[in-house]
Each structure stands twice: as structure tokens, then as C-alpha cells.
């Protein structure tokens, strides 16, 4: 029986597709991977993972994840074009990461952020240096181009990892674009609020009731009124096109740039 796409990850080598038998995240292991190149051809990756939260950086051909044996945790980086491990580093001090079999990670440049529910660590996967990531919140880390999502009394903030400076605060959830410039905020009255973190401007995009993912060039993409909509985070304007054959508007579609984890 063919496997179902469960999550789509951007890499510099193409779209990395995580698959399993049901498409579910919780209880969905084992997970497998295929790399889809610019020619549309899929190349299986010789890698099987259990209930872990892996991560990619869209500018690099790597997948990062962690594995645990008791309290011993290792952070691993794999080249998605070859399946070879390019880094494997032991970290200490992580003990409680909930229902996952190993701590969740976030890959950003030369750093893999790995976290339990008490604190986060920054691992330089090229040198092996491990330091506390004091501005990255405990729990599943989100780090994109040196920016992270952190909880606050109001709800959520975009924070600079190095300095701790708050760039934006929202009363609802936040999700960063692939290059970290934009943040999708909680639902607005007339559309989905998108904040430009570089210049401080904001625009409502599309429909408030629609869930949007990201393209590699920071355009939002979602299904609106039986059409595929691609929207600009600068102007808020959307262009639409028919859905691909066999795709229903009421189907549960996996959006790129969106992580399906509990």
C-alpha cells in the first residue's frame, strides 16, 4: 500500500516529503522520506524515523533530528541528497521531552536547536560546540534566520535569538515564513494578518478562515473557494488557479512550510 505524504520540508536540493501509512503525526511511525527535485522525480531517502520532530533549513540540503537512548541524546544531521550523516553529536542535560522518543529540533544555518520542556541548547553541528540557547523557549523550537517564536503573557512573540529583542507580539499564534522576514499572526477580521518583521508593516491576506502555507519565495498558498490561491505578503493581493486534478477543496491538504506536529 502506497504511503501518504505527512509533512513537506523545504531544502536547497528540493522538497523533502515525510511519509507514513496514514498521514497522521501522533502514532504515525515509522516515517520515511523522499526528495522531490526540480524535475519532479522522487528519490527515496534511506532513512526511517520514529516519533521525532525533524527540521530542515530551506537554504541547505540537510535534515536534522535527534535520537535518545535513556538520558543520552544525540543530534544528527543528514545530507538529503546522499542519505549520509554529516554530523553526529552528543548533548547532555535534556531529560523531559514529553511523548516524543527524542527531543524536537530546529535547524538554522550551522546551528541545531534542541530542547526539552525545561531549556533549549544550541549545537554548532560543524564544530560540535554546545551552548545554552537562552532566548529559545523550552518545548518544540522554532528558529528561522536567527528569529524564534516565544510565548509571552500576551500569547506569542517573535524574538531575535542572539539579543532577545522582541520584534513583534501577537495575541494569537505566530508562524514564520521560510526566510524569517514575515510572520503570520492569528486570524483577523478581514483576512490573515501578516507582519513584515523587517519594516514593521502589516497587511491582511486572503480569507481569515483559510489556513495558509508558504512557498519558497515567501508567498502564501492555500485553498480558497475551490481554487488554489497564492497571495503576496506585501500587497495582500491573491491570484487563483484551478485545483490540480483529483484534489478536492474539502480534502485535508498538506501545505508546504507548515509543520504537522502535536
Protein backbone atom coordinates (compact mmCIF):
# COMPACT_ATOMS: atom_id res chain seq x y z
CA UNK A 1 0.00 0.00 0.00
CA UNK A 2 1.47 3.39 -1.00
CA UNK A 3 2.38 5.71 1.84
CA UNK A 4 0.77 9.11 2.42
CA UNK A 5 2.55 12.47 2.50
CA UNK A 6 2.63 13.63 6.13
CA UNK A 7 4.83 16.76 6.12
CA UNK A 8 6.62 18.78 3.42
CA UNK A 9 10.03 20.28 4.16
CA UNK A 10 11.90 22.81 2.02
CA UNK A 11 15.58 22.15 1.31
CA UNK A 12 18.05 23.63 -1.18
CA UNK A 13 18.04 20.27 -3.01
CA UNK A 14 14.27 20.09 -3.42
CA UNK A 15 11.12 19.28 -1.50
CA UNK A 16 11.62 16.66 1.19
CA UNK A 17 8.42 14.67 1.77
CA UNK A 18 7.91 12.74 5.01
CA UNK A 19 5.52 9.82 4.54
CA UNK A 20 3.81 7.12 6.56
CA UNK A 21 0.87 4.74 6.18
CA UNK A 22 -1.89 7.07 7.41
CA UNK A 23 -0.67 10.67 7.18
CA UNK A 24 -1.09 11.01 10.93
CA UNK A 25 1.63 12.54 13.09
CA UNK A 26 0.79 11.09 16.51
CA UNK A 27 1.15 7.34 16.40
CA UNK A 28 2.16 7.53 12.76
CA UNK A 29 5.64 5.98 12.95
CA UNK A 30 7.54 4.67 11.16
CA UNK A 31 8.18 7.70 8.94
CA UNK A 32 10.07 7.58 5.64
CA UNK A 33 11.35 10.30 3.30
CA UNK A 34 11.52 11.12 -0.40
CA UNK A 35 13.35 14.02 -2.03
CA UNK A 36 11.47 15.58 -4.95
CA UNK A 37 13.81 17.51 -7.25
CA UNK A 38 13.15 20.33 -9.69
CA UNK A 39 12.38 17.74 -12.39
CA UNK A 40 9.53 16.33 -10.27
CA UNK A 41 11.24 12.98 -9.79
CA UNK A 42 11.18 11.45 -6.30
CA UNK A 43 14.31 9.91 -4.79
CA UNK A 44 13.77 7.73 -1.69
CA UNK A 45 15.99 8.59 1.26
CA UNK A 46 17.42 5.62 3.13
CA UNK A 47 16.16 6.88 6.49
CA UNK A 48 13.40 5.70 8.81
CA UNK A 49 12.42 7.76 11.86
CA UNK A 50 10.11 7.19 14.79
CA UNK A 51 8.07 9.75 16.71
CA UNK A 52 10.53 12.65 16.49
CA UNK A 53 10.33 16.24 15.25
CA UNK A 54 12.96 16.75 12.50
CA UNK A 55 13.82 20.02 10.78
CA UNK A 56 15.32 21.45 7.60
CA UNK A 57 16.76 24.79 6.54
CA UNK A 58 15.48 25.83 3.06
CA UNK A 59 18.94 27.13 2.14
CA UNK A 60 20.70 23.81 2.84
CA UNK A 61 20.48 20.16 1.71
CA UNK A 62 20.21 18.79 5.25
CA UNK A 63 17.74 17.20 7.64
CA UNK A 64 18.36 17.40 11.39
CA UNK A 65 16.82 15.25 14.10
CA UNK A 66 17.72 13.72 17.46
CA UNK A 67 17.76 10.25 18.92
CA UNK A 68 17.78 9.16 22.55
CA UNK A 69 18.97 6.16 24.49
CA UNK A 70 17.83 6.69 28.06
CA UNK A 71 19.06 10.14 29.06
CA UNK A 72 21.73 10.12 26.34
CA UNK A 73 20.76 12.35 23.41
CA UNK A 74 22.47 12.65 20.05
CA UNK A 75 21.83 15.35 17.44
CA UNK A 76 22.19 14.10 13.88
CA UNK A 77 22.42 15.93 10.54
CA UNK A 78 21.86 14.03 7.28
CA UNK A 79 22.60 15.10 3.70
CA UNK A 80 19.26 14.55 1.92
CA UNK A 81 20.96 14.11 -1.46
CA UNK A 82 23.01 11.12 -0.33
CA UNK A 83 21.46 9.92 2.94
CA UNK A 84 24.87 10.20 4.64
CA UNK A 85 25.26 11.53 8.17
CA UNK A 86 27.40 14.67 8.07
CA UNK A 87 27.27 15.29 11.83
CA UNK A 88 26.51 13.27 14.95
CA UNK A 89 26.92 14.99 18.32
CA UNK A 90 26.13 14.01 21.89
CA UNK A 91 24.39 16.52 24.16
CA UNK A 92 23.68 16.33 27.87
CA UNK A 93 21.18 17.86 30.27
CA UNK A 94 17.96 17.08 28.38
CA UNK A 95 15.63 14.81 30.33
CA UNK A 96 11.93 15.51 29.68
CA UNK A 97 10.61 15.91 26.15
CA UNK A 98 7.08 14.60 26.51
CA UNK A 99 5.62 11.95 24.23
CA UNK A 100 8.32 12.07 21.56
CA UNK A 101 11.01 9.40 21.60
CA UNK A 102 13.70 12.10 21.41
CA UNK A 103 13.82 15.91 21.84
CA UNK A 104 12.48 18.08 18.98
CA UNK A 105 14.95 20.16 16.96
CA UNK A 106 15.15 23.20 14.67
CA UNK A 107 17.89 23.55 12.04
CA UNK A 108 19.00 27.10 11.24
CA UNK A 109 22.27 27.54 9.36
CA UNK A 110 25.15 25.94 11.25
CA UNK A 111 23.06 25.53 14.40
CA UNK A 112 20.69 22.80 15.52
CA UNK A 113 18.48 23.96 18.38
CA UNK A 114 17.37 21.05 20.55
CA UNK A 115 15.02 21.38 23.50
CA UNK A 116 13.17 19.61 26.27
CA UNK A 117 10.45 21.19 28.41
CA UNK A 118 13.00 22.89 30.69
CA UNK A 119 15.54 24.55 28.41
CA UNK A 120 16.98 24.71 24.89
CA UNK A 121 20.52 24.14 23.62
CA UNK A 122 22.27 25.50 20.53
CA UNK A 123 24.50 22.91 18.86
CA UNK A 124 27.01 24.02 16.22
CA UNK A 125 26.81 20.95 14.02
CA UNK A 126 30.05 21.80 12.21
CA UNK A 127 32.22 22.19 15.32
CA UNK A 128 30.23 20.27 17.94
CA UNK A 129 30.12 23.23 20.34
CA UNK A 130 27.04 23.20 22.59
CA UNK A 131 25.83 26.30 24.46
CA UNK A 132 22.56 27.30 26.17
CA UNK A 133 20.03 28.95 23.85
CA UNK A 134 18.68 31.34 26.45
CA UNK A 135 16.28 33.16 24.11
CA UNK A 136 14.76 29.99 22.64
CA UNK A 137 11.77 28.77 24.63
CA UNK A 138 11.55 25.22 26.03
CA UNK A 139 9.42 22.83 24.05
CA UNK A 140 9.45 22.28 20.26
CA UNK A 141 11.78 25.04 18.97
CA UNK A 142 11.04 27.28 16.01
CA UNK A 143 14.08 29.15 14.69
CA UNK A 144 14.30 30.73 11.23
CA UNK A 145 17.16 33.03 10.20
CA UNK A 146 18.01 33.77 13.81
CA UNK A 147 14.41 34.51 14.80
CA UNK A 148 12.26 32.40 17.09
CA UNK A 149 8.66 32.19 18.29
CA UNK A 150 8.40 32.55 22.06
CA UNK A 151 5.36 32.56 24.37
CA UNK A 152 4.57 35.68 26.38
CA UNK A 153 1.85 36.90 28.69
CA UNK A 154 0.04 38.30 25.65
CA UNK A 155 0.35 34.98 23.72
CA UNK A 156 3.34 34.89 21.38
CA UNK A 157 6.35 36.95 20.30
CA UNK A 158 8.92 36.95 17.51
CA UNK A 159 12.30 37.26 19.21
CA UNK A 160 15.86 37.68 17.93
CA UNK A 161 17.75 34.61 19.15
CA UNK A 162 21.08 36.38 19.74
CA UNK A 163 19.84 39.50 21.51
CA UNK A 164 16.42 38.57 22.89
CA UNK A 165 14.94 41.69 21.27
CA UNK A 166 11.19 41.40 20.64
CA UNK A 167 10.31 42.19 17.02
CA UNK A 168 6.57 41.56 17.15
CA UNK A 169 3.91 40.44 19.59
CA UNK A 170 0.55 38.84 18.86
CA UNK A 171 -2.44 37.81 20.95
CA UNK A 172 -2.75 34.66 18.86
CA UNK A 173 -0.40 32.10 17.34
CA UNK A 174 2.51 33.07 15.09
CA UNK A 175 4.25 31.27 12.22
CA UNK A 176 7.40 32.46 10.42
CA UNK A 177 7.99 32.49 6.66
CA UNK A 178 10.85 30.37 5.21
CA UNK A 179 13.32 33.28 5.27
CA UNK A 180 12.13 34.68 8.61
CA UNK A 181 11.03 38.03 7.21
CA UNK A 182 7.29 37.60 7.70
CA UNK A 183 5.10 36.24 10.46
CA UNK A 184 1.53 35.02 10.03
CA UNK A 185 -0.49 36.02 13.09
CA UNK A 186 -3.81 34.74 14.43
CA UNK A 187 -7.00 35.20 12.46
CA UNK A 188 -8.02 38.77 11.67
CA UNK A 189 -11.42 40.24 10.89
CA UNK A 190 -10.96 40.57 7.14
CA UNK A 191 -8.05 38.23 6.43
CA UNK A 192 -4.95 36.59 7.87
CA UNK A 193 -2.64 39.27 9.36
CA UNK A 194 0.91 39.08 8.00
CA UNK A 195 3.62 41.15 9.70
CA UNK A 196 6.74 42.31 7.84
CA UNK A 197 9.35 41.95 10.59
CA UNK A 198 11.96 43.97 8.70
CA UNK A 199 10.00 47.18 8.14
CA UNK A 200 7.22 46.82 10.73
CA UNK A 201 4.29 46.96 8.32
CA UNK A 202 1.27 44.64 8.33
CA UNK A 203 -1.34 43.58 5.79
CA UNK A 204 -4.37 41.28 5.87
CA UNK A 205 -4.10 38.48 3.32
CA UNK A 206 -6.82 36.30 1.79
CA UNK A 207 -9.59 34.94 3.99
CA UNK A 208 -9.43 34.76 7.76
CA UNK A 209 -10.92 31.26 7.77
CA UNK A 210 -8.23 29.78 5.49
CA UNK A 211 -5.02 28.09 6.67
CA UNK A 212 -2.04 29.22 4.57
CA UNK A 213 1.36 27.69 4.00
CA UNK A 214 4.42 29.31 2.44
CA UNK A 215 6.16 28.98 -0.92
CA UNK A 216 9.96 29.13 -1.04
CA UNK A 217 9.82 32.78 -2.12
CA UNK A 218 7.61 33.86 0.80
CA UNK A 219 4.25 33.82 -0.95
CA UNK A 220 1.29 32.42 0.97
CA UNK A 221 -0.59 29.49 -0.51
CA UNK A 222 -3.95 27.99 0.42
CA UNK A 223 -7.26 26.70 -0.93
CA UNK A 224 -9.94 29.38 -1.22
CA UNK A 225 -13.42 28.78 -2.69
CA UNK A 226 -12.37 25.68 -4.62
CA UNK A 227 -9.33 27.48 -6.03
CA UNK A 228 -5.61 27.41 -5.30
CA UNK A 229 -4.72 30.89 -4.03
CA UNK A 230 -1.22 32.38 -3.95
CA UNK A 231 -1.02 35.64 -2.02
CA UNK A 232 1.55 38.41 -1.63
CA UNK A 233 2.59 39.28 1.95
CA UNK A 234 3.44 42.78 0.72
CA UNK A 235 0.21 43.80 -1.00
CA UNK A 236 -2.20 41.21 0.36
CA UNK A 237 -3.43 40.51 -3.18
CA UNK A 238 -4.07 36.93 -4.25
CA UNK A 239 -4.11 35.18 -7.59
CA UNK A 240 -6.10 31.98 -8.05
CA UNK A 241 -5.96 28.95 -10.33
CA UNK A 242 -7.92 25.69 -10.57
CA UNK A 243 -7.02 22.91 -8.16
CA UNK A 244 -4.98 20.04 -9.64
CA UNK A 245 -6.98 17.10 -10.94
CA UNK A 246 -8.07 14.78 -8.16
CA UNK A 247 -7.76 17.39 -5.39
CA UNK A 248 -10.99 18.28 -3.63
CA UNK A 249 -11.50 21.56 -1.81
CA UNK A 250 -12.68 19.70 1.28
CA UNK A 251 -9.69 17.33 1.33
CA UNK A 252 -7.10 17.64 4.07
CA UNK A 253 -4.18 19.07 2.08
CA UNK A 254 -0.63 19.16 3.43
CA UNK A 255 0.65 22.69 2.97
CA UNK A 256 4.34 23.41 2.35
CA UNK A 257 6.16 25.33 5.05
CA UNK A 258 3.71 24.08 7.68
CA UNK A 259 4.77 21.59 10.36
CA UNK A 260 2.19 19.00 11.35
CA UNK A 261 3.21 18.11 14.88
CA UNK A 262 1.29 17.94 18.15
